[in-house]
Protein backbone atom coordinates (compact mmCIF):
# COMPACT_ATOMS: atom_id res chain seq x y z
CA MET A 1 -23.29 42.42 11.68
CA THR A 2 -19.76 42.52 10.70
CA LYS A 3 -18.70 42.90 13.94
CA GLN A 4 -20.65 40.17 15.01
CA ALA A 5 -19.13 37.56 12.48
CA GLU A 6 -15.33 37.98 12.89
CA ALA A 7 -16.73 37.61 16.77
CA SER A 8 -18.29 34.28 15.57
CA VAL A 9 -14.42 33.13 13.66
CA ASP A 10 -12.49 34.37 15.87
CA SER A 11 -14.87 32.02 18.39
CA ALA A 12 -14.62 29.21 15.35
CA LYS A 13 -10.44 29.47 15.72
CA ALA A 14 -10.08 29.11 19.58
CA ASN A 15 -12.18 25.80 19.79
CA LEU A 16 -9.77 24.99 16.43
CA GLU A 17 -7.26 25.34 18.61
CA THR A 18 -8.34 24.14 21.35
CA ALA A 19 -9.89 20.78 19.91
CA SER A 20 -6.74 20.78 17.70
CA LEU A 21 -5.04 20.38 21.07
CA ASN A 22 -6.33 18.43 22.83
CA VAL A 23 -6.59 15.76 20.49
CA VAL A 24 -2.61 16.48 20.84
CA ALA A 25 -2.21 15.75 24.50
CA GLN A 26 -4.24 12.24 23.92
CA VAL A 27 -2.63 11.53 21.18
CA ASN A 28 0.15 12.13 23.69
CA GLN A 29 -1.08 10.41 26.71
CA ALA A 30 -1.06 7.20 24.25
CA TYR A 31 1.74 6.45 22.74
CA THR A 32 3.56 7.37 26.78
CA ASP A 33 0.85 4.85 28.08
CA LEU A 34 1.77 2.29 24.95
CA LYS A 35 6.09 2.69 25.83
CA THR A 36 4.88 2.26 29.69
CA ALA A 37 3.09 -0.73 28.69
CA GLN A 38 5.65 -2.28 26.02
CA LEU A 39 8.74 -2.02 29.35
CA ARG A 40 6.41 -3.63 32.16
CA SER A 41 5.61 -6.56 30.06
CA VAL A 42 9.05 -6.65 28.63
CA THR A 43 10.21 -6.78 32.77
CA ALA A 44 6.78 -9.17 33.91
CA ALA A 45 8.60 -11.27 30.65
CA THR A 46 11.97 -10.68 32.05
CA GLN A 47 10.44 -12.07 36.16
CA VAL A 48 8.63 -15.29 34.78
CA ALA A 49 11.41 -16.38 33.34
CA ASN A 50 13.68 -14.93 36.65
CA ALA A 51 11.35 -17.35 38.32
CA ALA A 52 11.40 -20.49 36.09
CA GLU A 53 14.45 -20.79 36.52
CA LEU A 54 14.20 -20.48 40.14
CA VAL A 55 11.41 -23.04 40.14
CA ARG A 56 14.44 -24.85 38.60
CA ILE A 57 16.63 -24.51 40.80
CA SER A 58 14.82 -25.23 43.73
CA GLU A 59 14.15 -28.43 43.32
CA GLY A 60 17.32 -29.20 41.85
CA ARG A 61 17.54 -28.64 45.38
CA TYR A 62 14.82 -30.97 47.38
CA ASN A 63 15.81 -33.29 44.55
CA GLY A 64 19.59 -33.59 45.63
CA GLY A 65 17.99 -33.47 49.41
CA ILE A 66 19.36 -30.01 50.40
CA GLY A 67 16.21 -27.75 49.86
CA THR A 68 12.77 -28.14 51.57
CA PHE A 69 9.67 -28.86 49.86
CA LEU A 70 8.16 -25.50 51.15
CA GLU A 71 11.62 -23.62 49.30
CA VAL A 72 9.98 -25.62 46.42
CA GLN A 73 6.42 -24.65 46.87
CA ASP A 74 7.35 -20.60 47.24
CA ALA A 75 8.85 -20.94 44.11
CA GLN A 76 6.08 -22.18 42.37
CA SER A 77 4.58 -19.59 43.94
CA SER A 78 6.64 -16.79 42.52
CA LEU A 79 6.15 -18.37 38.94
CA TYR A 80 2.45 -18.41 39.20
CA THR A 81 2.20 -14.65 40.25
CA ALA A 82 4.86 -14.07 37.47
CA GLN A 83 2.97 -15.69 34.49
CA ARG A 84 -0.26 -13.95 35.85
CA ASN A 85 1.61 -10.44 36.09
CA LEU A 86 2.70 -11.28 32.37
CA LEU A 87 -0.98 -11.86 31.64
CA ALA A 88 -1.88 -8.64 33.43
CA ALA A 89 0.92 -6.60 31.49
CA LYS A 90 0.18 -8.31 27.43
CA THR A 91 -3.41 -6.92 28.51
CA ASP A 92 -2.50 -3.75 29.59
CA LEU A 93 -0.39 -3.21 26.63
CA GLN A 94 -3.01 -4.81 23.81
CA ARG A 95 -5.36 -1.39 25.82
CA ALA A 96 -2.89 0.93 25.22
CA ASN A 97 -1.78 -0.18 21.69
CA ALA A 98 -6.13 0.29 21.13
CA ARG A 99 -6.22 3.65 22.80
CA LEU A 100 -4.04 4.74 20.54
CA GLN A 101 -5.42 3.37 16.56
CA ARG A 102 -8.43 5.55 18.31
CA ALA A 103 -6.15 8.71 19.69
CA ILE A 104 -4.45 8.64 15.59
CA GLY A 105 -7.84 7.84 14.39
CA ALA A 106 -7.04 4.46 12.83
CA SER A 107 -9.67 1.19 12.29
CA ILE A 108 -9.55 -0.83 15.09
CA LEU A 109 -9.56 -4.96 13.96
């Protein structure tokens, strides 16, 4: 009976170690995902600023008679795409933050 008990204790220890390693891996992955999402959000915000400046320049060129309306439309389309990408990046950032909070056992409110 003692050998069975020892085997059960060893099995429980192995299961605990496996569970601990899984938790550490989940937290590490969630943290990495959060940092990646933060960088994407910063990059997307920069792209929005650049696209807005391109719209300003294109409109100025068009109003000055040296640019085309198509140039303005292309710039506006780029701005719309950049804004959409920023929104997606912010959404991903919120999701990554929630996953990290869940992984570390924090309450999400």
